[in-house]
C-alpha cells in the first residue's frame, strides 16, 4: 500500500506528530523514555492483543525527513515507512508505504483477502488522519 499526500503544514510538524506517537508507544510498551536520537536501531516487543506479540525494529530515523520500522509476528512481517519532503515553509509531501510479507501460505491468503476488502478503508482512514494532523497545525 502506498499513500502520497500533499499537506499544508511543515514537514517538521508532521514528523513531530509521528515521532511523538512512537515515543509514547515505546514508553507504554517498555517503560523506557527515549529521545528522538535514540530511535534508529531500537528494538522492542509490542503486545498487539492478549495472544499476539510483535517485535518492532526501527530501521531508519532522519530528523524531519523519514521514519521507517519493521514489525514481525509469527504470521507476517510488516515494513512501514513515512518519508517527508519539504515543498516550502508551510507545505510538505508525505509518502506512506506499507509492505506485508506473509509467513506461510494460509497467512498469505488471509492477507490478500483482508487487503481486498479493507484496503480502501485503510487508505481512506490514513488520508483522514493526515488531514486531521494538518487541521491541528
C-alpha atoms as a PDB file:
ATOM      1  CA  UNK A   1       0.000   0.000   0.000  1.00  0.00           C
ATOM      2  CA  UNK A   2       1.265   3.459  -0.883  1.00  0.00           C
ATOM      3  CA  UNK A   3      -0.287   6.809   0.001  1.00  0.00           C
ATOM      4  CA  UNK A   4       1.140  10.089  -1.190  1.00  0.00           C
ATOM      5  CA  UNK A   5      -0.407  13.293   0.093  1.00  0.00           C
ATOM      6  CA  UNK A   6       0.385  16.990  -0.091  1.00  0.00           C
ATOM      7  CA  UNK A   7      -0.249  18.819   3.195  1.00  0.00           C
ATOM      8  CA  UNK A   8      -0.290  22.485   4.159  1.00  0.00           C
ATOM      9  CA  UNK A   9       1.990  22.021   7.158  1.00  0.00           C
ATOM     10  CA  UNK A  10       5.761  21.995   7.589  1.00  0.00           C
ATOM     11  CA  UNK A  11       7.443  18.595   7.349  1.00  0.00           C
ATOM     12  CA  UNK A  12       8.914  19.168  10.821  1.00  0.00           C
ATOM     13  CA  UNK A  13       5.416  19.452  12.335  1.00  0.00           C
ATOM     14  CA  UNK A  14       4.219  16.208  10.727  1.00  0.00           C
ATOM     15  CA  UNK A  15       7.430  14.429  11.695  1.00  0.00           C
ATOM     16  CA  UNK A  16       7.000  15.516  15.324  1.00  0.00           C
ATOM     17  CA  UNK A  17       3.437  14.151  15.399  1.00  0.00           C
ATOM     18  CA  UNK A  18       4.569  10.773  14.019  1.00  0.00           C
ATOM     19  CA  UNK A  19       7.552  10.552  16.370  1.00  0.00           C
ATOM     20  CA  UNK A  20       5.600  11.694  19.449  1.00  0.00           C
ATOM     21  CA  UNK A  21       3.150   8.841  18.865  1.00  0.00           C
ATOM     22  CA  UNK A  22       6.005   6.355  18.513  1.00  0.00           C
ATOM     23  CA  UNK A  23       7.795   7.602  21.637  1.00  0.00           C
ATOM     24  CA  UNK A  24       4.524   7.295  23.578  1.00  0.00           C
ATOM     25  CA  UNK A  25       4.072   3.726  22.276  1.00  0.00           C
ATOM     26  CA  UNK A  26       7.623   2.749  23.254  1.00  0.00           C
ATOM     27  CA  UNK A  27       7.149   4.200  26.747  1.00  0.00           C
ATOM     28  CA  UNK A  28       3.831   2.335  27.145  1.00  0.00           C
ATOM     29  CA  UNK A  29       5.273  -0.984  25.943  1.00  0.00           C
ATOM     30  CA  UNK A  30       8.733  -0.894  27.552  1.00  0.00           C
ATOM     31  CA  UNK A  31       8.678   1.750  30.268  1.00  0.00           C
ATOM     32  CA  UNK A  32      11.680   3.403  28.588  1.00  0.00           C
ATOM     33  CA  UNK A  33      11.626   7.109  27.768  1.00  0.00           C
ATOM     34  CA  UNK A  34      13.738   7.528  24.648  1.00  0.00           C
ATOM     35  CA  UNK A  35      14.876  10.629  22.834  1.00  0.00           C
ATOM     36  CA  UNK A  36      14.464  11.058  19.087  1.00  0.00           C
ATOM     37  CA  UNK A  37      18.181  10.431  18.572  1.00  0.00           C
ATOM     38  CA  UNK A  38      17.908   7.007  20.239  1.00  0.00           C
ATOM     39  CA  UNK A  39      15.214   5.657  17.916  1.00  0.00           C
ATOM     40  CA  UNK A  40      17.214   4.341  14.954  1.00  0.00           C
ATOM     41  CA  UNK A  41      18.106   0.706  15.555  1.00  0.00           C
ATOM     42  CA  UNK A  42      15.921   0.440  18.665  1.00  0.00           C
ATOM     43  CA  UNK A  43      14.146  -2.915  19.057  1.00  0.00           C
ATOM     44  CA  UNK A  44      11.255  -3.646  21.395  1.00  0.00           C
ATOM     45  CA  UNK A  45       8.421  -6.114  21.892  1.00  0.00           C
ATOM     46  CA  UNK A  46       4.858  -4.929  21.443  1.00  0.00           C
ATOM     47  CA  UNK A  47       1.723  -6.677  22.705  1.00  0.00           C
ATOM     48  CA  UNK A  48      -0.833  -6.447  19.872  1.00  0.00           C
ATOM     49  CA  UNK A  49      -3.554  -8.392  21.666  1.00  0.00           C
ATOM     50  CA  UNK A  50      -3.590 -10.908  24.531  1.00  0.00           C
ATOM     51  CA  UNK A  51      -2.362 -13.686  22.223  1.00  0.00           C
ATOM     52  CA  UNK A  52      -0.127 -11.829  19.761  1.00  0.00           C
ATOM     53  CA  UNK A  53       3.259 -10.249  20.309  1.00  0.00           C
ATOM     54  CA  UNK A  54       5.335  -8.432  17.736  1.00  0.00           C
ATOM     55  CA  UNK A  55       8.948  -7.429  17.580  1.00  0.00           C
ATOM     56  CA  UNK A  56       9.398  -3.864  16.345  1.00  0.00           C
ATOM     57  CA  UNK A  57      12.695  -2.668  14.902  1.00  0.00           C
ATOM     58  CA  UNK A  58      13.173   0.959  13.909  1.00  0.00           C
ATOM     59  CA  UNK A  59      15.204   0.827  10.728  1.00  0.00           C
ATOM     60  CA  UNK A  60      15.506   4.488   9.744  1.00  0.00           C
ATOM     61  CA  UNK A  61      15.019   7.781  11.518  1.00  0.00           C
ATOM     62  CA  UNK A  62      16.138  11.015   9.874  1.00  0.00           C
ATOM     63  CA  UNK A  63      15.012  14.171  11.646  1.00  0.00           C
ATOM     64  CA  UNK A  64      12.085  15.823   9.827  1.00  0.00           C
ATOM     65  CA  UNK A  65      12.509  13.534   6.792  1.00  0.00           C
ATOM     66  CA  UNK A  66      11.981   9.814   7.380  1.00  0.00           C
ATOM     67  CA  UNK A  67      10.753   7.260   9.842  1.00  0.00           C
ATOM     68  CA  UNK A  68      10.789   3.535   8.970  1.00  0.00           C
ATOM     69  CA  UNK A  69      10.182   0.419  11.020  1.00  0.00           C
ATOM     70  CA  UNK A  70       9.607  -3.314  10.691  1.00  0.00           C
ATOM     71  CA  UNK A  71       7.141  -5.244  12.813  1.00  0.00           C
ATOM     72  CA  UNK A  72       7.397  -9.035  12.874  1.00  0.00           C
ATOM     73  CA  UNK A  73       4.893 -11.505  14.303  1.00  0.00           C
ATOM     74  CA  UNK A  74       4.757 -15.271  13.942  1.00  0.00           C
ATOM     75  CA  UNK A  75       2.415 -14.750  10.963  1.00  0.00           C
ATOM     76  CA  UNK A  76       3.918 -11.878   8.986  1.00  0.00           C
ATOM     77  CA  UNK A  77       6.438  -9.110   8.676  1.00  0.00           C
ATOM     78  CA  UNK A  78       5.258  -5.561   8.035  1.00  0.00           C
ATOM     79  CA  UNK A  79       7.569  -2.853   6.720  1.00  0.00           C
ATOM     80  CA  UNK A  80       6.277   0.687   7.209  1.00  0.00           C
ATOM     81  CA  UNK A  81       7.809   3.943   6.056  1.00  0.00           C
ATOM     82  CA  UNK A  82       6.951   7.610   6.335  1.00  0.00           C
ATOM     83  CA  UNK A  83       9.006   9.799   4.007  1.00  0.00           C
ATOM     84  CA  UNK A  84       8.524  13.559   4.213  1.00  0.00           C
ATOM     85  CA  UNK A  85       9.574  16.172   1.687  1.00  0.00           C
ATOM     86  CA  UNK A  86       9.525  19.904   2.307  1.00  0.00           C
ATOM     87  CA  UNK A  87       7.830  21.737  -0.566  1.00  0.00           C
ATOM     88  CA  UNK A  88       8.106  25.188   1.040  1.00  0.00           C
ATOM     89  CA  UNK A  89       7.970  26.641   4.566  1.00  0.00           C
ATOM     90  CA  UNK A  90       4.301  25.720   5.055  1.00  0.00           C
ATOM     91  CA  UNK A  91       3.818  22.777   2.724  1.00  0.00           C
ATOM     92  CA  UNK A  92       5.098  19.218   2.662  1.00  0.00           C
ATOM     93  CA  UNK A  93       4.521  15.892   0.973  1.00  0.00           C
ATOM     94  CA  UNK A  94       4.195  12.650   2.898  1.00  0.00           C
ATOM     95  CA  UNK A  95       4.653   9.254   1.306  1.00  0.00           C
ATOM     96  CA  UNK A  96       3.400   6.422   3.499  1.00  0.00           C
ATOM     97  CA  UNK A  97       4.267   2.907   2.377  1.00  0.00           C
ATOM     98  CA  UNK A  98       3.378  -0.407   3.935  1.00  0.00           C
ATOM     99  CA  UNK A  99       4.511  -3.814   2.761  1.00  0.00           C
ATOM    100  CA  UNK A 100       3.246  -7.048   4.292  1.00  0.00           C
ATOM    101  CA  UNK A 101       5.261 -10.217   3.878  1.00  0.00           C
ATOM    102  CA  UNK A 102       3.211 -13.254   4.834  1.00  0.00           C
ATOM    103  CA  UNK A 103       4.983 -16.093   6.596  1.00  0.00           C
ATOM    104  CA  UNK A 104       3.047 -19.052   5.241  1.00  0.00           C
ATOM    105  CA  UNK A 105       0.528 -19.881   2.558  1.00  0.00           C
ATOM    106  CA  UNK A 106      -2.545 -19.626   4.800  1.00  0.00           C
ATOM    107  CA  UNK A 107      -1.463 -16.225   6.118  1.00  0.00           C
ATOM    108  CA  UNK A 108      -0.859 -15.075   2.551  1.00  0.00           C
ATOM    109  CA  UNK A 109      -4.463 -15.951   1.691  1.00  0.00           C
ATOM    110  CA  UNK A 110      -5.732 -14.123   4.788  1.00  0.00           C
ATOM    111  CA  UNK A 111      -3.650 -11.030   3.981  1.00  0.00           C
ATOM    112  CA  UNK A 112      -4.778 -10.890   0.336  1.00  0.00           C
ATOM    113  CA  UNK A 113      -8.413 -11.225   1.417  1.00  0.00           C
ATOM    114  CA  UNK A 114      -8.001  -8.514   4.070  1.00  0.00           C
ATOM    115  CA  UNK A 115      -6.346  -6.125   1.600  1.00  0.00           C
ATOM    116  CA  UNK A 116      -9.057  -6.773  -0.973  1.00  0.00           C
ATOM    117  CA  UNK A 117     -11.911  -5.980   1.394  1.00  0.00           C
ATOM    118  CA  UNK A 118     -10.355  -3.481   3.797  1.00  0.00           C
ATOM    119  CA  UNK A 119      -7.529  -1.858   1.825  1.00  0.00           C
ATOM    120  CA  UNK A 120      -9.599   1.051   0.518  1.00  0.00           C
ATOM    121  CA  UNK A 121     -10.955   1.771   4.003  1.00  0.00           C
ATOM    122  CA  UNK A 122      -7.465   1.742   5.472  1.00  0.00           C
ATOM    123  CA  UNK A 123      -6.177   4.133   2.786  1.00  0.00           C
ATOM    124  CA  UNK A 124      -9.121   6.464   3.385  1.00  0.00           C
ATOM    125  CA  UNK A 125      -8.504   6.443   7.150  1.00  0.00           C
ATOM    126  CA  UNK A 126      -4.821   7.282   6.663  1.00  0.00           C
ATOM    127  CA  UNK A 127      -5.721  10.207   4.411  1.00  0.00           C
ATOM    128  CA  UNK A 128      -8.201  11.425   7.053  1.00  0.00           C
ATOM    129  CA  UNK A 129      -5.543  11.104   9.756  1.00  0.00           C
ATOM    130  CA  UNK A 130      -3.098  13.217   7.736  1.00  0.00           C
ATOM    131  CA  UNK A 131      -5.794  15.856   7.164  1.00  0.00           C
ATOM    132  CA  UNK A 132      -6.606  15.937  10.892  1.00  0.00           C
ATOM    133  CA  UNK A 133      -2.933  16.497  11.653  1.00  0.00           C
ATOM    134  CA  UNK A 134      -2.982  19.304   9.099  1.00  0.00           C
ATOM    135  CA  UNK A 135      -6.028  20.898  10.784  1.00  0.00           C
ATOM    136  CA  UNK A 136      -4.336  20.727  14.191  1.00  0.00           C
ATOM    137  CA  UNK A 137      -1.474  22.924  12.964  1.00  0.00           C
END
